[in-house]
């Protein structure tokens, strides 16, 4: 069962970015399902790495558009992106070490 479902309230009305957001939600839901069914850690790690790689690309694309259109909250948004990427990197590291994935902010 998905942990988050796309709806029109999530749309920012920029087709390219909305499509990427939908893809991220699909990947998060797939990862969540994989954890629930106890997917092999190696396969789980591969899904997680794909999510991280796509998220890096998405954030880069999104920030380029924000800069191009002089988005007033670009710095704040960039900081939020960095925080999420740091969290994802910790998650990859934890799963690589055989730990169970979680949305907690610490993995010690």
N, C-alpha and C. Protein backbone atom coordinates (compact mmCIF):
# COMPACT_ATOMS: atom_id res chain seq x y z
N UNK A 1 0.84 -1.18 0.00
CA UNK A 1 0.00 0.00 0.00
C UNK A 1 0.89 1.25 0.00
N UNK A 2 0.60 2.22 -0.85
CA UNK A 2 1.42 3.42 -0.93
C UNK A 2 1.39 4.21 0.38
N UNK A 3 2.52 4.84 0.70
CA UNK A 3 2.53 5.68 1.89
C UNK A 3 2.15 7.12 1.55
N UNK A 4 2.23 7.45 0.26
CA UNK A 4 1.81 8.78 -0.20
C UNK A 4 1.27 8.64 -1.62
N UNK A 5 0.19 9.33 -1.87
CA UNK A 5 -0.46 9.26 -3.18
C UNK A 5 -0.51 10.66 -3.78
N UNK A 6 -0.18 10.74 -5.05
CA UNK A 6 -0.21 12.02 -5.75
C UNK A 6 -1.65 12.50 -5.86
N UNK A 7 -1.81 13.80 -5.64
CA UNK A 7 -3.10 14.44 -5.93
C UNK A 7 -2.83 15.83 -6.47
N UNK A 8 -3.84 16.47 -7.00
CA UNK A 8 -3.66 17.77 -7.65
C UNK A 8 -3.12 18.84 -6.69
N UNK A 9 -3.32 18.65 -5.40
CA UNK A 9 -2.77 19.59 -4.42
C UNK A 9 -1.26 19.60 -4.38
N UNK A 10 -0.63 18.53 -4.87
CA UNK A 10 0.83 18.47 -4.91
C UNK A 10 1.40 19.21 -6.13
N UNK A 11 0.56 19.48 -7.10
CA UNK A 11 1.03 20.08 -8.35
C UNK A 11 1.53 21.50 -8.13
N UNK A 12 2.63 21.82 -8.80
CA UNK A 12 3.13 23.20 -8.80
C UNK A 12 2.87 23.84 -10.17
N UNK A 13 2.19 23.10 -11.03
CA UNK A 13 1.81 23.57 -12.37
C UNK A 13 3.00 23.86 -13.28
N UNK A 14 4.06 23.11 -13.08
CA UNK A 14 5.20 23.10 -14.00
C UNK A 14 5.33 21.64 -14.40
N UNK A 15 4.91 21.34 -15.63
CA UNK A 15 4.76 19.95 -16.07
C UNK A 15 6.00 19.09 -15.79
N UNK A 16 7.18 19.57 -16.19
CA UNK A 16 8.41 18.80 -16.02
C UNK A 16 8.65 18.45 -14.54
N UNK A 17 8.44 19.42 -13.67
CA UNK A 17 8.68 19.21 -12.24
C UNK A 17 7.59 18.33 -11.64
N UNK A 18 6.35 18.55 -12.03
CA UNK A 18 5.26 17.69 -11.54
C UNK A 18 5.48 16.23 -11.91
N UNK A 19 5.94 15.99 -13.12
CA UNK A 19 6.22 14.62 -13.56
C UNK A 19 7.34 14.02 -12.70
N UNK A 20 8.38 14.81 -12.43
CA UNK A 20 9.47 14.33 -11.59
C UNK A 20 8.98 14.06 -10.17
N UNK A 21 8.14 14.93 -9.64
CA UNK A 21 7.59 14.72 -8.29
C UNK A 21 6.79 13.42 -8.25
N UNK A 22 6.00 13.17 -9.28
CA UNK A 22 5.23 11.92 -9.35
C UNK A 22 6.16 10.71 -9.38
N UNK A 23 7.24 10.81 -10.14
CA UNK A 23 8.21 9.72 -10.22
C UNK A 23 8.85 9.46 -8.85
N UNK A 24 9.19 10.53 -8.13
CA UNK A 24 9.78 10.37 -6.80
C UNK A 24 8.79 9.67 -5.87
N UNK A 25 7.52 10.07 -5.92
CA UNK A 25 6.52 9.42 -5.08
C UNK A 25 6.39 7.94 -5.43
N UNK A 26 6.43 7.61 -6.72
CA UNK A 26 6.38 6.20 -7.13
C UNK A 26 7.58 5.43 -6.56
N UNK A 27 8.74 6.05 -6.62
CA UNK A 27 9.96 5.39 -6.13
C UNK A 27 9.91 5.21 -4.61
N UNK A 28 9.42 6.23 -3.90
CA UNK A 28 9.29 6.13 -2.45
C UNK A 28 8.30 5.03 -2.09
N UNK A 29 7.17 4.98 -2.80
CA UNK A 29 6.18 3.94 -2.53
C UNK A 29 6.73 2.55 -2.84
N UNK A 30 7.48 2.42 -3.90
CA UNK A 30 8.10 1.14 -4.24
C UNK A 30 9.10 0.72 -3.17
N UNK A 31 9.88 1.67 -2.71
CA UNK A 31 10.85 1.38 -1.65
C UNK A 31 10.13 0.96 -0.37
N UNK A 32 9.07 1.67 -0.03
CA UNK A 32 8.29 1.34 1.16
C UNK A 32 7.72 -0.07 1.07
N UNK A 33 7.14 -0.41 -0.07
CA UNK A 33 6.58 -1.74 -0.27
C UNK A 33 7.68 -2.80 -0.16
N UNK A 34 8.83 -2.50 -0.72
CA UNK A 34 9.95 -3.43 -0.66
C UNK A 34 10.41 -3.70 0.76
N UNK A 35 10.39 -2.66 1.59
CA UNK A 35 10.75 -2.83 3.00
C UNK A 35 9.70 -3.69 3.69
N UNK A 36 8.42 -3.41 3.41
CA UNK A 36 7.33 -4.15 4.04
C UNK A 36 7.38 -5.65 3.73
N UNK A 37 7.73 -5.99 2.49
CA UNK A 37 7.74 -7.41 2.10
C UNK A 37 9.08 -8.08 2.40
N UNK A 38 10.02 -7.31 2.94
CA UNK A 38 11.30 -7.89 3.33
C UNK A 38 12.22 -8.19 2.16
N UNK A 39 12.22 -7.32 1.17
CA UNK A 39 13.10 -7.49 0.01
C UNK A 39 14.55 -7.62 0.47
N UNK A 40 15.31 -8.44 -0.22
CA UNK A 40 16.73 -8.62 0.04
C UNK A 40 17.42 -7.26 0.14
N UNK A 41 18.31 -7.11 1.11
CA UNK A 41 18.98 -5.81 1.36
C UNK A 41 19.74 -5.30 0.14
N UNK A 42 20.32 -6.21 -0.63
CA UNK A 42 21.06 -5.78 -1.83
C UNK A 42 20.10 -5.14 -2.84
N UNK A 43 18.94 -5.75 -3.03
CA UNK A 43 17.95 -5.20 -3.95
C UNK A 43 17.35 -3.91 -3.40
N UNK A 44 17.15 -3.88 -2.10
CA UNK A 44 16.64 -2.69 -1.43
C UNK A 44 17.61 -1.53 -1.61
N UNK A 45 18.88 -1.81 -1.43
CA UNK A 45 19.91 -0.79 -1.60
C UNK A 45 19.91 -0.26 -3.04
N UNK A 46 19.73 -1.14 -4.01
CA UNK A 46 19.70 -0.72 -5.41
C UNK A 46 18.53 0.24 -5.66
N UNK A 47 17.36 -0.07 -5.10
CA UNK A 47 16.21 0.83 -5.24
C UNK A 47 16.48 2.18 -4.58
N UNK A 48 17.09 2.14 -3.42
CA UNK A 48 17.39 3.35 -2.69
C UNK A 48 18.40 4.22 -3.45
N UNK A 49 19.41 3.59 -4.01
CA UNK A 49 20.41 4.34 -4.79
C UNK A 49 19.75 4.98 -6.01
N UNK A 50 18.85 4.28 -6.67
CA UNK A 50 18.12 4.88 -7.81
C UNK A 50 17.31 6.09 -7.37
N UNK A 51 16.67 5.98 -6.20
CA UNK A 51 15.91 7.11 -5.67
C UNK A 51 16.83 8.30 -5.40
N UNK A 52 17.97 8.04 -4.79
CA UNK A 52 18.92 9.12 -4.48
C UNK A 52 19.43 9.77 -5.77
N UNK A 53 19.79 8.97 -6.74
CA UNK A 53 20.29 9.51 -8.01
C UNK A 53 19.23 10.36 -8.70
N UNK A 54 17.99 9.86 -8.72
CA UNK A 54 16.92 10.62 -9.37
C UNK A 54 16.63 11.91 -8.60
N UNK A 55 16.69 11.83 -7.27
CA UNK A 55 16.43 13.01 -6.45
C UNK A 55 17.49 14.08 -6.70
N UNK A 56 18.75 13.68 -6.82
CA UNK A 56 19.82 14.64 -7.16
C UNK A 56 19.50 15.33 -8.48
N UNK A 57 19.14 14.56 -9.49
CA UNK A 57 18.80 15.13 -10.80
C UNK A 57 17.62 16.08 -10.69
N UNK A 58 16.59 15.63 -9.98
CA UNK A 58 15.39 16.45 -9.83
C UNK A 58 15.72 17.78 -9.15
N UNK A 59 16.47 17.72 -8.05
CA UNK A 59 16.79 18.95 -7.33
C UNK A 59 17.60 19.90 -8.21
N UNK A 60 18.50 19.36 -8.98
CA UNK A 60 19.29 20.19 -9.90
C UNK A 60 18.38 20.86 -10.93
N UNK A 61 17.49 20.07 -11.54
CA UNK A 61 16.56 20.62 -12.53
C UNK A 61 15.67 21.69 -11.91
N UNK A 62 15.16 21.39 -10.73
CA UNK A 62 14.24 22.30 -10.06
C UNK A 62 14.94 23.61 -9.70
N UNK A 63 16.15 23.52 -9.18
CA UNK A 63 16.88 24.73 -8.78
C UNK A 63 17.28 25.57 -9.99
N UNK A 64 17.57 24.93 -11.10
CA UNK A 64 17.88 25.69 -12.34
C UNK A 64 16.66 26.49 -12.76
N UNK A 65 15.49 25.87 -12.72
CA UNK A 65 14.26 26.58 -13.08
C UNK A 65 13.97 27.72 -12.10
N UNK A 66 14.19 27.47 -10.84
CA UNK A 66 13.95 28.51 -9.83
C UNK A 66 14.88 29.70 -10.05
N UNK A 67 16.13 29.40 -10.35
CA UNK A 67 17.09 30.47 -10.61
C UNK A 67 16.71 31.25 -11.87
N UNK A 68 16.35 30.53 -12.90
CA UNK A 68 15.96 31.15 -14.18
C UNK A 68 14.79 32.11 -14.00
N UNK A 69 13.88 31.76 -13.10
CA UNK A 69 12.67 32.57 -12.90
C UNK A 69 12.75 33.42 -11.63
N UNK A 70 13.97 33.58 -11.10
CA UNK A 70 14.21 34.41 -9.92
C UNK A 70 13.25 34.09 -8.77
N UNK A 71 13.12 32.80 -8.48
CA UNK A 71 12.26 32.36 -7.39
C UNK A 71 12.79 32.97 -6.09
N UNK A 72 11.95 33.71 -5.36
CA UNK A 72 12.43 34.45 -4.19
C UNK A 72 12.89 33.58 -3.01
N UNK A 73 12.44 32.35 -2.95
CA UNK A 73 12.80 31.48 -1.83
C UNK A 73 13.80 30.40 -2.24
N UNK A 74 14.59 30.68 -3.26
CA UNK A 74 15.55 29.71 -3.77
C UNK A 74 16.54 29.26 -2.70
N UNK A 75 17.11 30.20 -1.95
CA UNK A 75 18.10 29.84 -0.93
C UNK A 75 17.49 28.89 0.11
N UNK A 76 16.30 29.20 0.57
CA UNK A 76 15.64 28.36 1.56
C UNK A 76 15.35 26.98 0.98
N UNK A 77 14.89 26.96 -0.25
CA UNK A 77 14.56 25.69 -0.90
C UNK A 77 15.82 24.85 -1.11
N UNK A 78 16.89 25.51 -1.52
CA UNK A 78 18.17 24.81 -1.70
C UNK A 78 18.62 24.19 -0.38
N UNK A 79 18.48 24.92 0.71
CA UNK A 79 18.85 24.40 2.02
C UNK A 79 18.01 23.16 2.36
N UNK A 80 16.71 23.20 2.05
CA UNK A 80 15.84 22.04 2.29
C UNK A 80 16.29 20.85 1.45
N UNK A 81 16.68 21.11 0.21
CA UNK A 81 17.18 20.04 -0.66
C UNK A 81 18.43 19.41 -0.05
N UNK A 82 19.37 20.25 0.41
CA UNK A 82 20.60 19.74 1.01
C UNK A 82 20.30 18.87 2.23
N UNK A 83 19.35 19.30 3.03
CA UNK A 83 18.97 18.54 4.23
C UNK A 83 18.41 17.18 3.84
N UNK A 84 17.54 17.15 2.86
CA UNK A 84 16.96 15.87 2.42
C UNK A 84 18.02 14.97 1.80
N UNK A 85 18.91 15.52 1.01
CA UNK A 85 19.97 14.70 0.40
C UNK A 85 20.91 14.13 1.47
N UNK A 86 21.18 14.91 2.50
CA UNK A 86 22.01 14.42 3.60
C UNK A 86 21.31 13.25 4.29
N UNK A 87 20.02 13.38 4.50
CA UNK A 87 19.23 12.31 5.11
C UNK A 87 19.27 11.05 4.23
N UNK A 88 19.09 11.23 2.93
CA UNK A 88 19.12 10.09 2.01
C UNK A 88 20.50 9.42 2.01
N UNK A 89 21.55 10.21 2.05
CA UNK A 89 22.90 9.65 2.09
C UNK A 89 23.10 8.81 3.36
N UNK A 90 22.58 9.30 4.48
CA UNK A 90 22.68 8.53 5.73
C UNK A 90 21.88 7.23 5.62
N UNK A 91 20.75 7.31 4.96
CA UNK A 91 19.92 6.13 4.78
C UNK A 91 20.64 5.09 3.93
N UNK A 92 21.27 5.53 2.85
CA UNK A 92 22.04 4.62 1.99
C UNK A 92 23.17 3.98 2.80
N UNK A 93 23.86 4.77 3.58
CA UNK A 93 24.94 4.26 4.40
C UNK A 93 24.43 3.22 5.40
N UNK A 94 23.31 3.51 6.03
CA UNK A 94 22.74 2.59 7.01
C UNK A 94 22.35 1.26 6.36
N UNK A 95 21.68 1.33 5.22
CA UNK A 95 21.26 0.10 4.53
C UNK A 95 22.49 -0.66 4.05
N UNK A 96 23.51 0.05 3.60
CA UNK A 96 24.76 -0.59 3.16
C UNK A 96 25.40 -1.38 4.29
N UNK A 97 25.20 -0.91 5.51
CA UNK A 97 25.76 -1.59 6.68
C UNK A 97 24.83 -2.65 7.24
N UNK A 98 23.71 -2.89 6.53
CA UNK A 98 22.80 -3.94 6.96
C UNK A 98 21.72 -3.50 7.93
N UNK A 99 21.63 -2.19 8.17
CA UNK A 99 20.59 -1.70 9.08
C UNK A 99 19.25 -1.61 8.36
N UNK A 100 18.20 -1.64 9.14
CA UNK A 100 16.85 -1.56 8.60
C UNK A 100 16.53 -0.10 8.25
N UNK A 101 16.03 0.15 7.05
CA UNK A 101 15.73 1.53 6.66
C UNK A 101 14.61 2.12 7.51
N UNK A 102 14.74 3.40 7.75
CA UNK A 102 13.76 4.12 8.55
C UNK A 102 13.75 5.58 8.11
N UNK A 103 12.73 6.29 8.52
CA UNK A 103 12.67 7.71 8.19
C UNK A 103 13.18 8.57 9.33
N UNK A 104 13.73 7.93 10.37
CA UNK A 104 14.34 8.68 11.46
C UNK A 104 15.51 9.48 10.91
N UNK A 105 15.88 10.49 11.66
CA UNK A 105 17.00 11.33 11.19
C UNK A 105 18.35 10.81 11.65
N UNK A 106 18.38 9.81 12.54
CA UNK A 106 19.66 9.28 12.97
C UNK A 106 19.71 7.77 12.70
N UNK A 107 20.92 7.26 12.51
CA UNK A 107 21.09 5.85 12.15
C UNK A 107 22.13 5.16 13.01
N UNK A 108 22.39 5.72 14.17
CA UNK A 108 23.42 5.14 15.05
C UNK A 108 22.85 4.04 15.90
